[in-house]
Amino acid sequence: MRENCTTLYPNDKVARKVSEYADRSSIDLPDTLIKYHQWVLDTQPRSYFTISLLEARLLTWMARTVGAKRVLEIGAFVGFSMGVWANAVGPKGSVIGLEFSPEYAALAREQLLKHGYDNCSVVQGNALEVLPTLESEEPFDIIFIDAQKSGYPAYLRTILDKSQPGAARRLLRRGGLILGDNALRSALVVDQSDDNPATRTVPKQTENWSWGDVEHLDEFNRVMHSHDRIEAMLLPVFDGLGMGRLLD
């Protein structure tokens, strides 16, 4: 199709069938991850914080495509997506996750080990404070942001500041990927009019809702696109997946 905007499916029922078909037709995940995901859905009141299985398949495919061995996740929740990265990079790779909540950090550590992912480390604390202090002899190949939305621009600035060209130590390697989940936030980043039902429903359904979060996501997307060190792509899938490749 030549047009950017294409309506592929006539209704939600058909769209769901297509999504389920795509899930079945994409890279396989081990049973341990399928069970881990189901545990999140069955036990966590905020299970909507976690990524879907289809997104897990995409992230696995991306990590293996770029040959990633080291991944940093900002916003670990209860660890499922860390498990996805751990499976993708293999036992010789490593994953570090930052999580603000002591409760979620403890659950992530417990469940990652329970499901066999011992190549993961969870750091509990405010990512805006922890991120600038991270020191590593080897840079990360991928940094996945899925935390407090108001922090996205600051996370991005810190990643760039700590990944200077030619530096002996840097946070993200040259050619590494920066991924920002929920970059469109129920399309509220784009449309806050009555045409978007989320304008009425999402603020009521979201704890500690702030329209400022939407503004910060918009800022994150704009910087990803305009920064001369980043080659960006924003996909309108999974509530928006912002992707950037660090050029230098």
Protein backbone atom coordinates (compact mmCIF):
# COMPACT_ATOMS: atom_id res chain seq x y z
CA MET A 1 0.00 0.00 0.00
CA ARG A 2 1.25 3.48 -0.86
CA GLU A 3 -0.64 5.24 1.93
CA ASN A 4 0.80 5.54 5.46
CA CYS A 5 -2.65 5.20 7.03
CA THR A 6 -4.31 1.91 6.16
CA THR A 7 -7.32 0.37 7.86
CA LEU A 8 -6.43 -3.30 7.68
CA TYR A 9 -9.21 -4.82 9.75
CA PRO A 10 -12.93 -3.93 9.86
CA ASN A 11 -13.41 -4.42 13.62
CA ASP A 12 -11.76 -5.46 16.89
CA LYS A 13 -12.86 -9.08 16.49
CA VAL A 14 -10.98 -9.48 13.22
CA ALA A 15 -8.00 -7.52 14.55
CA ARG A 16 -7.78 -9.88 17.53
CA LYS A 17 -7.83 -12.92 15.25
CA VAL A 18 -5.04 -11.41 13.17
CA SER A 19 -2.98 -10.66 16.30
CA GLU A 20 -3.43 -14.22 17.53
CA TYR A 21 -2.43 -15.53 14.11
CA ALA A 22 0.67 -13.30 14.10
CA ASP A 23 1.52 -14.56 17.58
CA ARG A 24 1.31 -18.18 16.42
CA SER A 25 3.31 -17.41 13.29
CA SER A 26 6.21 -15.63 14.99
CA ILE A 27 9.39 -16.78 16.71
CA ASP A 28 8.75 -19.46 19.33
CA LEU A 29 9.22 -18.72 23.02
CA PRO A 30 10.20 -21.41 25.54
CA ASP A 31 7.53 -22.85 27.82
CA THR A 32 9.23 -21.22 30.80
CA LEU A 33 8.46 -17.76 29.39
CA ILE A 34 4.89 -18.71 28.49
CA LYS A 35 4.35 -19.91 32.08
CA TYR A 36 6.07 -16.80 33.48
CA HIS A 37 3.72 -14.58 31.48
CA GLN A 38 0.68 -16.54 32.66
CA TRP A 39 1.88 -16.19 36.25
CA VAL A 40 1.93 -12.41 35.81
CA LEU A 41 -1.61 -12.41 34.40
CA ASP A 42 -2.91 -14.71 37.15
CA THR A 43 -1.30 -13.07 40.18
CA GLN A 44 -0.61 -9.39 39.51
CA PRO A 45 -3.39 -6.78 39.80
CA ARG A 46 -1.31 -4.52 37.54
CA SER A 47 -0.56 -7.21 34.99
CA TYR A 48 -1.19 -4.58 32.30
CA PHE A 49 2.27 -3.25 33.17
CA THR A 50 3.87 -6.23 31.43
CA ILE A 51 4.45 -6.70 27.72
CA SER A 52 2.40 -9.06 25.56
CA LEU A 53 3.69 -12.36 24.24
CA LEU A 54 3.70 -10.96 20.70
CA GLU A 55 5.85 -8.03 21.80
CA ALA A 56 8.09 -10.52 23.63
CA ARG A 57 8.56 -12.35 20.34
CA LEU A 58 9.44 -9.10 18.54
CA LEU A 59 11.98 -8.09 21.19
CA THR A 60 13.55 -11.54 21.05
CA TRP A 61 13.82 -11.31 17.28
CA MET A 62 15.32 -7.82 17.48
CA ALA A 63 17.89 -8.80 20.10
CA ARG A 64 19.05 -11.78 18.08
CA THR A 65 19.08 -9.78 14.84
CA VAL A 66 21.58 -7.29 16.28
CA GLY A 67 23.51 -9.98 18.15
CA ALA A 68 22.79 -8.46 21.55
CA LYS A 69 24.57 -9.92 24.57
CA ARG A 70 24.00 -7.17 27.13
CA VAL A 71 20.64 -5.52 27.80
CA LEU A 72 19.60 -2.82 30.27
CA GLU A 73 15.93 -2.51 31.15
CA ILE A 74 14.57 0.61 32.84
CA GLY A 75 11.38 -0.42 34.63
CA ALA A 76 11.50 -4.14 35.36
CA PHE A 77 8.07 -4.63 37.03
CA VAL A 78 8.04 -8.32 38.08
CA GLY A 79 10.71 -9.41 35.65
CA PHE A 80 8.92 -11.04 32.72
CA SER A 81 10.43 -8.80 30.06
CA MET A 82 13.84 -9.26 31.68
CA GLY A 83 13.29 -12.98 31.21
CA VAL A 84 12.52 -12.32 27.56
CA TRP A 85 15.83 -10.50 27.13
CA ALA A 86 17.67 -13.17 29.14
CA ASN A 87 16.34 -15.88 26.85
CA ALA A 88 17.24 -13.81 23.78
CA VAL A 89 20.86 -13.11 24.76
CA GLY A 90 21.48 -16.64 26.03
CA PRO A 91 23.26 -17.89 29.17
CA LYS A 92 26.52 -16.15 28.23
CA GLY A 93 24.73 -12.81 27.95
CA SER A 94 23.51 -10.60 30.78
CA VAL A 95 20.52 -8.43 31.64
CA ILE A 96 20.30 -5.65 34.23
CA GLY A 97 16.92 -4.27 35.27
CA LEU A 98 16.16 -1.11 37.23
CA GLU A 99 12.98 -1.11 39.33
CA PHE A 100 11.69 1.60 41.67
CA SER A 101 9.33 -0.58 43.74
CA PRO A 102 11.01 -2.76 46.41
CA GLU A 103 8.07 -5.17 46.17
CA TYR A 104 8.33 -5.58 42.41
CA ALA A 105 12.14 -5.78 42.52
CA ALA A 106 11.94 -8.64 45.05
CA LEU A 107 9.31 -10.46 42.97
CA ALA A 108 11.41 -10.01 39.84
CA ARG A 109 14.48 -11.54 41.48
CA GLU A 110 12.45 -14.42 42.87
CA GLN A 111 10.58 -15.25 39.68
CA LEU A 112 13.55 -14.88 37.35
CA LEU A 113 15.46 -17.46 39.37
CA LYS A 114 12.39 -19.66 39.68
CA HIS A 115 12.00 -19.69 35.91
CA GLY A 116 15.69 -20.42 35.32
CA TYR A 117 17.06 -17.02 34.32
CA ASP A 118 20.17 -16.60 36.44
CA ASN A 119 21.89 -14.18 34.05
CA CYS A 120 19.80 -11.27 35.35
CA SER A 121 20.45 -8.63 38.02
CA VAL A 122 17.74 -6.38 39.45
CA VAL A 123 18.75 -3.01 40.91
CA GLN A 124 16.12 -1.43 43.15
CA GLY A 125 15.93 2.35 43.17
CA ASN A 126 14.89 5.46 41.29
CA ALA A 127 16.13 4.99 37.73
CA LEU A 128 16.75 8.72 37.36
CA GLU A 129 19.23 8.42 40.23
CA VAL A 130 20.63 4.95 39.49
CA LEU A 131 21.15 5.34 35.74
CA PRO A 132 23.84 8.06 35.97
CA THR A 133 25.81 5.93 38.46
CA LEU A 134 25.95 2.76 36.37
CA GLU A 135 29.50 1.79 35.50
CA SER A 136 30.31 -1.07 33.17
CA GLU A 137 33.44 -2.27 31.42
CA GLU A 138 31.33 -3.30 28.44
CA PRO A 139 28.54 -1.14 26.99
CA PHE A 140 25.00 -2.39 26.55
CA ASP A 141 23.70 -3.45 23.15
CA ILE A 142 20.08 -2.55 23.91
CA ILE A 143 18.44 -0.26 26.45
CA PHE A 144 14.70 -0.87 26.90
CA ILE A 145 12.69 1.87 28.60
CA ASP A 146 9.35 0.85 30.15
CA ALA A 147 9.16 2.88 33.34
CA GLN A 148 7.50 6.07 34.62
CA LYS A 149 6.57 7.97 31.47
CA SER A 150 7.51 11.36 32.90
CA GLY A 151 11.10 10.15 33.07
CA TYR A 152 11.52 9.18 29.41
CA PRO A 153 13.23 12.42 28.25
CA ALA A 154 15.62 12.34 31.22
CA TYR A 155 16.45 8.67 30.64
CA LEU A 156 17.25 9.48 27.02
CA ARG A 157 19.45 12.44 27.94
CA THR A 158 21.38 10.33 30.44
CA ILE A 159 21.88 7.51 27.94
CA LEU A 160 23.32 9.97 25.42
CA ASP A 161 25.45 11.79 28.00
CA LYS A 162 26.96 8.52 29.22
CA SER A 163 27.56 7.15 25.71
CA GLN A 164 29.98 9.70 24.32
CA PRO A 165 31.79 8.90 21.05
CA GLY A 166 35.28 7.59 21.67
CA ALA A 167 34.82 7.27 25.43
CA ALA A 168 36.70 4.43 27.12
CA ARG A 169 33.51 3.51 28.94
CA ARG A 170 30.01 4.17 27.73
CA LEU A 171 26.49 3.05 28.58
CA LEU A 172 25.33 2.09 25.07
CA ARG A 173 27.59 0.91 22.28
CA ARG A 174 27.83 2.50 18.88
CA GLY A 175 24.98 1.06 16.82
CA GLY A 176 23.13 0.05 19.98
CA LEU A 177 19.35 0.30 20.26
CA ILE A 178 17.22 2.55 22.47
CA LEU A 179 13.66 1.22 22.77
CA GLY A 180 10.82 3.14 24.43
CA ASP A 181 7.60 1.24 25.19
CA ASN A 182 4.16 2.90 25.33
CA ALA A 183 5.45 5.74 23.18
CA LEU A 184 1.94 6.62 21.94
CA ARG A 185 0.02 6.03 25.19
CA SER A 186 -3.36 4.91 23.80
CA ALA A 187 -2.84 7.45 20.97
CA LEU A 188 -3.13 10.28 23.51
CA VAL A 189 0.28 11.59 22.43
CA VAL A 190 -1.31 12.25 19.03
CA ASP A 191 -5.01 12.86 19.68
CA GLN A 192 -6.63 14.13 22.88
CA SER A 193 -9.90 15.11 21.22
CA ASP A 194 -13.29 13.44 21.59
CA ASP A 195 -12.41 11.37 18.53
CA ASN A 196 -10.16 9.30 20.79
CA PRO A 197 -12.20 7.38 23.41
CA ALA A 198 -9.04 7.02 25.52
CA THR A 199 -9.27 10.73 26.31
CA ARG A 200 -12.22 9.89 28.56
CA THR A 201 -11.35 6.38 29.76
CA VAL A 202 -7.58 6.20 30.33
CA PRO A 203 -7.28 9.03 32.92
CA LYS A 204 -10.04 7.40 34.98
CA GLN A 205 -8.51 3.93 34.76
CA THR A 206 -4.88 4.91 35.42
CA GLU A 207 -3.50 5.38 38.93
CA ASN A 208 -1.82 8.75 39.52
CA TRP A 209 -2.74 9.87 36.02
CA SER A 210 -1.00 12.99 34.73
CA TRP A 211 -1.40 14.64 31.35
CA GLY A 212 2.19 15.71 31.84
CA ASP A 213 3.22 12.11 31.13
CA VAL A 214 1.76 12.46 27.64
CA GLU A 215 3.76 15.66 27.09
CA HIS A 216 6.94 13.92 28.22
CA LEU A 217 6.33 11.03 25.83
CA ASP A 218 5.86 13.51 23.01
CA GLU A 219 9.14 15.17 23.99
CA PHE A 220 10.87 11.78 24.02
CA ASN A 221 9.57 10.98 20.53
CA ARG A 222 10.58 14.38 19.17
CA VAL A 223 14.11 14.14 20.57
CA MET A 224 14.51 10.59 19.26
CA HIS A 225 13.58 11.85 15.80
CA SER A 226 15.51 15.12 15.76
CA HIS A 227 18.74 14.23 17.56
CA ASP A 228 21.69 14.04 15.18
CA ARG A 229 23.14 11.03 17.02
CA ILE A 230 20.01 8.90 16.67
CA GLU A 231 18.35 7.21 13.72
CA ALA A 232 14.74 6.75 14.83
CA MET A 233 11.69 4.69 13.94
CA LEU A 234 8.33 4.89 15.71
CA LEU A 235 6.04 1.92 15.21
CA PRO A 236 2.30 2.25 15.95
CA VAL A 237 2.18 -1.19 17.62
CA PHE A 238 1.94 -2.32 21.27
CA ASP A 239 0.78 1.15 22.38
CA GLY A 240 3.66 2.63 20.40
CA LEU A 241 7.23 1.33 20.25
CA GLY A 242 9.86 4.03 19.84
CA MET A 243 13.14 2.76 18.45
CA GLY A 244 16.43 4.53 17.97
CA ARG A 245 19.86 3.41 16.78
CA LEU A 246 22.82 5.24 18.27
CA LEU A 247 24.92 6.27 15.29
CA ASP A 248 28.19 7.04 17.06
